[in-house]
Amino acid sequence: MPASQAHLYLRSFVEVGLLEYDSSTHLYSLGAYAIRLGLAAIRQNDVASASRGPMRAIQQDLQVPVYLSVWANNGPTIISKIDFDIRLPMMIRIGNSLPLTQSATGQLFLSFLQPEELEPVLERELAIINIDRSKLEALRQEVLARHYASSDSRLNTGFASIAAPVFDRDNQMVGAMTLLGLRDHPTFQDIGRSAEKLSTVTKEISLSLEKR
């Protein structure tokens, strides 16, 4: 491409932190945000690979769809899933983003992630959904105490979900594993029992990530 067009691209990458420009040498190098992206990608790949077997095991045990989400620019984002023969109200696709306040997956990230990471996404969501922040804090404390999140008919009437966190070696939440299905399915009739099973699986994944 013409040098002038390439320059515009490079300058825009500098502005968002993907590149850094050295005025003394007129050379570009990777910026801080590019490094953060790379580290995030590495963590996500580890989470996905470490979760494949456990996801299959709990899906076969509880007979419901299960999916894995990580934090991305638009919030909790699905990166892996295993379906089951249950009719869902929407198509769950890899790449779908989930709300922080209305989904079990989102409530985990709302509770365990640092506020500065959450705030831009949360602000956009609260502009659409009117929720008092004091209620969000109460929800956050509840999730932190239970170490899992659940949602019943919040996103879709008649459907429920349970989500448990995955942590890395630094005890930072890097993923959420979520069960989704009809609220009258046996899995969601005893939330505590199913959450305990799911938490056992996510703790095993977290332990495997500590060893990597």
C-alpha atoms as a PDB file:
ATOM      1  CA  MET A   1       0.000   0.000   0.000  1.00  0.00           C
ATOM      2  CA  PRO A   2       1.150   3.614  -0.405  1.00  0.00           C
ATOM      3  CA  ALA A   3       3.435   4.895   2.353  1.00  0.00           C
ATOM      4  CA  SER A   4       0.899   7.575   3.343  1.00  0.00           C
ATOM      5  CA  GLN A   5      -1.812   4.950   3.892  1.00  0.00           C
ATOM      6  CA  ALA A   6       0.556   2.689   5.836  1.00  0.00           C
ATOM      7  CA  HIS A   7       1.482   5.659   8.016  1.00  0.00           C
ATOM      8  CA  LEU A   8      -2.181   6.242   8.898  1.00  0.00           C
ATOM      9  CA  TYR A   9      -2.575   2.613   9.962  1.00  0.00           C
ATOM     10  CA  LEU A  10       0.597   2.730  12.030  1.00  0.00           C
ATOM     11  CA  ARG A  11      -0.419   5.957  13.764  1.00  0.00           C
ATOM     12  CA  SER A  12      -3.833   4.502  14.646  1.00  0.00           C
ATOM     13  CA  PHE A  13      -2.114   1.412  16.125  1.00  0.00           C
ATOM     14  CA  VAL A  14       0.079   3.718  18.213  1.00  0.00           C
ATOM     15  CA  GLU A  15      -2.990   5.604  19.481  1.00  0.00           C
ATOM     16  CA  VAL A  16      -4.634   2.413  20.802  1.00  0.00           C
ATOM     17  CA  GLY A  17      -1.406   1.066  22.276  1.00  0.00           C
ATOM     18  CA  LEU A  18      -0.749  -1.777  19.845  1.00  0.00           C
ATOM     19  CA  LEU A  19       2.493  -0.119  18.701  1.00  0.00           C
ATOM     20  CA  GLU A  20       5.062   2.294  20.087  1.00  0.00           C
ATOM     21  CA  TYR A  21       6.971   4.799  17.957  1.00  0.00           C
ATOM     22  CA  ASP A  22      10.596   5.773  18.619  1.00  0.00           C
ATOM     23  CA  SER A  23      11.058   9.311  17.289  1.00  0.00           C
ATOM     24  CA  SER A  24      14.858   9.045  17.464  1.00  0.00           C
ATOM     25  CA  THR A  25      15.058   5.954  15.227  1.00  0.00           C
ATOM     26  CA  HIS A  26      11.692   6.342  13.435  1.00  0.00           C
ATOM     27  CA  LEU A  27      11.038   2.660  14.174  1.00  0.00           C
ATOM     28  CA  TYR A  28       7.918   0.973  15.521  1.00  0.00           C
ATOM     29  CA  SER A  29       7.755  -1.769  18.136  1.00  0.00           C
ATOM     30  CA  LEU A  30       4.970  -3.665  19.894  1.00  0.00           C
ATOM     31  CA  GLY A  31       3.123  -1.572  22.460  1.00  0.00           C
ATOM     32  CA  ALA A  32       1.889  -2.406  25.948  1.00  0.00           C
ATOM     33  CA  TYR A  33      -1.618  -3.260  24.740  1.00  0.00           C
ATOM     34  CA  ALA A  34      -0.249  -5.706  22.161  1.00  0.00           C
ATOM     35  CA  ILE A  35       1.669  -7.458  24.930  1.00  0.00           C
ATOM     36  CA  ARG A  36      -1.487  -7.621  27.063  1.00  0.00           C
ATOM     37  CA  LEU A  37      -3.384  -9.096  24.118  1.00  0.00           C
ATOM     38  CA  GLY A  38      -0.707 -11.704  23.594  1.00  0.00           C
ATOM     39  CA  LEU A  39      -0.670 -12.713  27.252  1.00  0.00           C
ATOM     40  CA  ALA A  40      -4.466 -12.869  27.290  1.00  0.00           C
ATOM     41  CA  ALA A  41      -4.441 -15.093  24.206  1.00  0.00           C
ATOM     42  CA  ILE A  42      -1.966 -17.443  25.852  1.00  0.00           C
ATOM     43  CA  ARG A  43      -4.113 -17.692  28.985  1.00  0.00           C
ATOM     44  CA  GLN A  44      -7.237 -18.276  26.926  1.00  0.00           C
ATOM     45  CA  ASN A  45      -5.610 -21.014  24.899  1.00  0.00           C
ATOM     46  CA  ASP A  46      -4.490 -22.717  28.102  1.00  0.00           C
ATOM     47  CA  VAL A  47      -7.996 -22.476  29.530  1.00  0.00           C
ATOM     48  CA  ALA A  48      -9.595 -23.881  26.397  1.00  0.00           C
ATOM     49  CA  SER A  49      -7.203 -26.815  26.095  1.00  0.00           C
ATOM     50  CA  ALA A  50      -7.353 -27.632  29.812  1.00  0.00           C
ATOM     51  CA  SER A  51     -11.165 -27.537  29.765  1.00  0.00           C
ATOM     52  CA  ARG A  52     -11.975 -29.824  26.829  1.00  0.00           C
ATOM     53  CA  GLY A  53     -11.944 -33.120  28.711  1.00  0.00           C
ATOM     54  CA  PRO A  54     -13.680 -31.823  31.874  1.00  0.00           C
ATOM     55  CA  MET A  55     -16.367 -30.112  29.772  1.00  0.00           C
ATOM     56  CA  ARG A  56     -17.146 -33.368  27.995  1.00  0.00           C
ATOM     57  CA  ALA A  57     -17.246 -35.269  31.294  1.00  0.00           C
ATOM     58  CA  ILE A  58     -19.713 -32.954  33.030  1.00  0.00           C
ATOM     59  CA  GLN A  59     -21.879 -32.663  29.916  1.00  0.00           C
ATOM     60  CA  GLN A  60     -22.237 -36.432  29.819  1.00  0.00           C
ATOM     61  CA  ASP A  61     -22.848 -36.582  33.569  1.00  0.00           C
ATOM     62  CA  LEU A  62     -25.527 -33.872  33.800  1.00  0.00           C
ATOM     63  CA  GLN A  63     -26.930 -34.165  30.250  1.00  0.00           C
ATOM     64  CA  VAL A  64     -27.098 -30.430  29.500  1.00  0.00           C
ATOM     65  CA  PRO A  65     -25.165 -28.084  27.201  1.00  0.00           C
ATOM     66  CA  VAL A  66     -21.961 -26.654  28.669  1.00  0.00           C
ATOM     67  CA  TYR A  67     -19.868 -23.749  27.463  1.00  0.00           C
ATOM     68  CA  LEU A  68     -16.665 -21.936  28.378  1.00  0.00           C
ATOM     69  CA  SER A  69     -16.320 -18.150  28.381  1.00  0.00           C
ATOM     70  CA  VAL A  70     -13.423 -15.728  28.841  1.00  0.00           C
ATOM     71  CA  TRP A  71     -13.218 -11.959  29.229  1.00  0.00           C
ATOM     72  CA  ALA A  72     -12.939  -9.949  25.995  1.00  0.00           C
ATOM     73  CA  ASN A  73     -13.510  -6.356  24.849  1.00  0.00           C
ATOM     74  CA  ASN A  74     -17.301  -6.782  24.800  1.00  0.00           C
ATOM     75  CA  GLY A  75     -17.450  -8.688  28.091  1.00  0.00           C
ATOM     76  CA  PRO A  76     -17.836 -12.426  28.767  1.00  0.00           C
ATOM     77  CA  THR A  77     -17.368 -14.203  25.429  1.00  0.00           C
ATOM     78  CA  ILE A  78     -17.959 -17.866  24.593  1.00  0.00           C
ATOM     79  CA  ILE A  79     -14.844 -19.598  23.231  1.00  0.00           C
ATOM     80  CA  SER A  80     -15.866 -23.268  23.509  1.00  0.00           C
ATOM     81  CA  LYS A  81     -19.088 -25.259  23.829  1.00  0.00           C
ATOM     82  CA  ILE A  82     -20.504 -28.768  23.882  1.00  0.00           C
ATOM     83  CA  ASP A  83     -24.162 -29.026  22.901  1.00  0.00           C
ATOM     84  CA  PHE A  84     -26.783 -31.499  24.016  1.00  0.00           C
ATOM     85  CA  ASP A  85     -30.133 -32.487  22.540  1.00  0.00           C
ATOM     86  CA  ILE A  86     -32.096 -29.744  24.295  1.00  0.00           C
ATOM     87  CA  ARG A  87     -34.033 -27.046  22.448  1.00  0.00           C
ATOM     88  CA  LEU A  88     -32.666 -23.665  23.478  1.00  0.00           C
ATOM     89  CA  PRO A  89     -34.375 -20.281  23.027  1.00  0.00           C
ATOM     90  CA  MET A  90     -31.366 -18.906  21.146  1.00  0.00           C
ATOM     91  CA  MET A  91     -28.419 -20.226  19.237  1.00  0.00           C
ATOM     92  CA  ILE A  92     -25.371 -20.364  21.491  1.00  0.00           C
ATOM     93  CA  ARG A  93     -22.428 -19.597  19.228  1.00  0.00           C
ATOM     94  CA  ILE A  94     -18.717 -19.315  19.840  1.00  0.00           C
ATOM     95  CA  GLY A  95     -18.001 -15.584  19.911  1.00  0.00           C
ATOM     96  CA  ASN A  96     -21.325 -14.631  21.528  1.00  0.00           C
ATOM     97  CA  SER A  97     -21.022 -12.050  24.304  1.00  0.00           C
ATOM     98  CA  LEU A  98     -23.090 -12.370  27.483  1.00  0.00           C
ATOM     99  CA  PRO A  99     -24.465  -9.644  29.777  1.00  0.00           C
ATOM    100  CA  LEU A 100     -22.764  -9.021  33.103  1.00  0.00           C
ATOM    101  CA  THR A 101     -25.939  -8.536  35.117  1.00  0.00           C
ATOM    102  CA  GLN A 102     -28.450 -10.893  33.505  1.00  0.00           C
ATOM    103  CA  SER A 103     -26.446 -14.082  32.995  1.00  0.00           C
ATOM    104  CA  ALA A 104     -24.811 -16.476  35.449  1.00  0.00           C
ATOM    105  CA  THR A 105     -21.617 -16.268  33.388  1.00  0.00           C
ATOM    106  CA  GLY A 106     -21.608 -12.482  33.538  1.00  0.00           C
ATOM    107  CA  GLN A 107     -22.255 -12.434  37.280  1.00  0.00           C
ATOM    108  CA  LEU A 108     -19.042 -14.410  37.834  1.00  0.00           C
ATOM    109  CA  PHE A 109     -16.942 -11.905  35.922  1.00  0.00           C
ATOM    110  CA  LEU A 110     -18.785  -9.067  37.659  1.00  0.00           C
ATOM    111  CA  SER A 111     -17.766 -10.566  40.998  1.00  0.00           C
ATOM    112  CA  PHE A 112     -14.207 -11.775  40.434  1.00  0.00           C
ATOM    113  CA  LEU A 113     -12.702  -9.341  37.900  1.00  0.00           C
ATOM    114  CA  GLN A 114     -11.091  -6.053  38.875  1.00  0.00           C
ATOM    115  CA  PRO A 115     -13.475  -3.044  38.649  1.00  0.00           C
ATOM    116  CA  GLU A 116     -11.256  -1.178  36.181  1.00  0.00           C
ATOM    117  CA  GLU A 117     -11.551  -4.060  33.718  1.00  0.00           C
ATOM    118  CA  LEU A 118     -15.322  -4.267  34.112  1.00  0.00           C
ATOM    119  CA  GLU A 119     -16.324  -0.630  34.168  1.00  0.00           C
ATOM    120  CA  PRO A 120     -16.419   0.227  30.426  1.00  0.00           C
ATOM    121  CA  VAL A 121     -18.555  -2.840  29.640  1.00  0.00           C
ATOM    122  CA  LEU A 122     -20.710  -2.382  32.740  1.00  0.00           C
ATOM    123  CA  GLU A 123     -21.402   1.263  31.919  1.00  0.00           C
ATOM    124  CA  ARG A 124     -22.642   0.347  28.453  1.00  0.00           C
ATOM    125  CA  GLU A 125     -24.896  -2.340  29.916  1.00  0.00           C
ATOM    126  CA  LEU A 126     -26.338  -0.131  32.659  1.00  0.00           C
ATOM    127  CA  ALA A 127     -27.232   2.471  30.028  1.00  0.00           C
ATOM    128  CA  ILE A 128     -29.649  -0.120  28.624  1.00  0.00           C
ATOM    129  CA  ILE A 129     -30.682  -2.043  31.742  1.00  0.00           C
ATOM    130  CA  ASN A 130     -31.648   0.103  34.712  1.00  0.00           C
ATOM    131  CA  ILE A 131     -30.184  -1.603  37.785  1.00  0.00           C
ATOM    132  CA  ASP A 132     -29.176   0.078  41.024  1.00  0.00           C
ATOM    133  CA  ARG A 133     -25.451  -0.344  41.682  1.00  0.00           C
ATOM    134  CA  SER A 134     -26.130  -1.169  45.346  1.00  0.00           C
ATOM    135  CA  LYS A 135     -28.078  -4.225  44.182  1.00  0.00           C
ATOM    136  CA  LEU A 136     -25.154  -5.215  41.979  1.00  0.00           C
ATOM    137  CA  GLU A 137     -22.823  -5.029  44.950  1.00  0.00           C
ATOM    138  CA  ALA A 138     -25.162  -7.256  46.978  1.00  0.00           C
ATOM    139  CA  LEU A 139     -25.216  -9.737  44.079  1.00  0.00           C
ATOM    140  CA  ARG A 140     -21.432  -9.586  43.854  1.00  0.00           C
ATOM    141  CA  GLN A 141     -21.003 -10.394  47.542  1.00  0.00           C
ATOM    142  CA  GLU A 142     -23.433 -13.302  47.236  1.00  0.00           C
ATOM    143  CA  VAL A 143     -21.540 -14.801  44.307  1.00  0.00           C
ATOM    144  CA  LEU A 144     -18.194 -14.349  46.065  1.00  0.00           C
ATOM    145  CA  ALA A 145     -19.545 -16.161  49.128  1.00  0.00           C
ATOM    146  CA  ARG A 146     -21.009 -19.078  47.141  1.00  0.00           C
ATOM    147  CA  HIS A 147     -18.173 -19.240  44.600  1.00  0.00           C
ATOM    148  CA  TYR A 148     -20.667 -19.885  41.811  1.00  0.00           C
ATOM    149  CA  ALA A 149     -23.500 -18.001  40.084  1.00  0.00           C
ATOM    150  CA  SER A 150     -26.941 -19.045  38.911  1.00  0.00           C
ATOM    151  CA  SER A 151     -29.675 -17.461  36.843  1.00  0.00           C
ATOM    152  CA  ASP A 152     -33.304 -18.535  36.526  1.00  0.00           C
ATOM    153  CA  SER A 153     -35.393 -17.133  33.638  1.00  0.00           C
ATOM    154  CA  ARG A 154     -33.468 -13.847  33.596  1.00  0.00           C
ATOM    155  CA  LEU A 155     -32.400 -13.972  29.975  1.00  0.00           C
ATOM    156  CA  ASN A 156     -35.045 -16.394  28.728  1.00  0.00           C
ATOM    157  CA  THR A 157     -38.210 -17.517  30.487  1.00  0.00           C
ATOM    158  CA  GLY A 158     -38.173 -21.183  31.455  1.00  0.00           C
ATOM    159  CA  PHE A 159     -34.399 -21.597  31.217  1.00  0.00           C
ATOM    160  CA  ALA A 160     -31.759 -21.661  33.931  1.00  0.00           C
ATOM    161  CA  SER A 161     -27.969 -21.629  34.136  1.00  0.00           C
ATOM    162  CA  ILE A 162     -25.170 -22.289  36.615  1.00  0.00           C
ATOM    163  CA  ALA A 163     -21.615 -21.000  36.227  1.00  0.00           C
ATOM    164  CA  ALA A 164     -18.374 -21.615  38.139  1.00  0.00           C
ATOM    165  CA  PRO A 165     -15.024 -19.793  37.793  1.00  0.00           C
ATOM    166  CA  VAL A 166     -11.658 -21.014  36.525  1.00  0.00           C
ATOM    167  CA  PHE A 167      -8.517 -19.419  38.002  1.00  0.00           C
ATOM    168  CA  ASP A 168      -4.895 -19.284  36.856  1.00  0.00           C
ATOM    169  CA  ARG A 169      -1.733 -19.757  38.929  1.00  0.00           C
ATOM    170  CA  ASP A 170      -1.976 -16.133  40.114  1.00  0.00           C
ATOM    171  CA  ASN A 171      -5.511 -16.777  41.391  1.00  0.00           C
ATOM    172  CA  GLN A 172      -6.952 -14.527  38.685  1.00  0.00           C
ATOM    173  CA  MET A 173     -10.228 -15.564  37.102  1.00  0.00           C
ATOM    174  CA  VAL A 174      -9.533 -16.497  33.472  1.00  0.00           C
ATOM    175  CA  GLY A 175     -12.710 -18.325  32.510  1.00  0.00           C
ATOM    176  CA  ALA A 176     -16.212 -19.415  33.418  1.00  0.00           C
ATOM    177  CA  MET A 177     -17.801 -22.795  32.756  1.00  0.00           C
ATOM    178  CA  THR A 178     -21.586 -22.649  32.426  1.00  0.00           C
ATOM    179  CA  LEU A 179     -24.426 -25.177  32.352  1.00  0.00           C
ATOM    180  CA  LEU A 180     -27.588 -24.129  30.502  1.00  0.00           C
ATOM    181  CA  GLY A 181     -30.966 -25.797  30.070  1.00  0.00           C
ATOM    182  CA  LEU A 182     -34.664 -25.977  30.887  1.00  0.00           C
ATOM    183  CA  ARG A 183     -35.374 -24.973  34.471  1.00  0.00           C
ATOM    184  CA  ASP A 184     -37.331 -28.203  35.090  1.00  0.00           C
ATOM    185  CA  HIS A 185     -34.364 -30.356  34.034  1.00  0.00           C
ATOM    186  CA  PRO A 186     -33.009 -32.417  36.979  1.00  0.00           C
ATOM    187  CA  THR A 187     -29.735 -30.479  36.820  1.00  0.00           C
ATOM    188  CA  PHE A 188     -31.543 -27.270  37.795  1.00  0.00           C
ATOM    189  CA  GLN A 189     -33.922 -28.819  40.306  1.00  0.00           C
ATOM    190  CA  ASP A 190     -31.039 -29.171  42.768  1.00  0.00           C
ATOM    191  CA  ILE A 191     -28.874 -26.106  42.083  1.00  0.00           C
ATOM    192  CA  GLY A 192     -26.576 -26.748  45.046  1.00  0.00           C
ATOM    193  CA  ARG A 193     -25.714 -30.306  43.995  1.00  0.00           C
ATOM    194  CA  SER A 194     -25.124 -29.366  40.350  1.00  0.00           C
ATOM    195  CA  ALA A 195     -23.081 -26.311  41.345  1.00  0.00           C
ATOM    196  CA  GLU A 196     -20.922 -28.509  43.565  1.00  0.00           C
ATOM    197  CA  LYS A 197     -20.251 -30.882  40.667  1.00  0.00           C
ATOM    198  CA  LEU A 198     -19.448 -28.001  38.337  1.00  0.00           C
ATOM    199  CA  SER A 199     -17.178 -26.358  40.918  1.00  0.00           C
ATOM    200  CA  THR A 200     -15.282 -29.614  41.371  1.00  0.00           C
ATOM    201  CA  VAL A 201     -14.597 -29.661  37.631  1.00  0.00           C
ATOM    202  CA  THR A 202     -13.500 -26.007  37.443  1.00  0.00           C
ATOM    203  CA  LYS A 203     -11.209 -26.461  40.464  1.00  0.00           C
ATOM    204  CA  GLU A 204      -9.529 -29.382  38.671  1.00  0.00           C
ATOM    205  CA  ILE A 205      -9.007 -27.158  35.629  1.00  0.00           C
ATOM    206  CA  SER A 206      -7.585 -24.409  37.825  1.00  0.00           C
ATOM    207  CA  LEU A 207      -5.143 -26.867  39.390  1.00  0.00           C
ATOM    208  CA  SER A 208      -4.009 -28.009  35.949  1.00  0.00           C
ATOM    209  CA  LEU A 209      -3.423 -24.378  34.932  1.00  0.00           C
ATOM    210  CA  GLU A 210      -1.246 -23.867  38.002  1.00  0.00           C
ATOM    211  CA  LYS A 211       1.095 -26.567  36.704  1.00  0.00           C
ATOM    212  CA  ARG A 212       1.508 -25.039  33.246  1.00  0.00           C
END
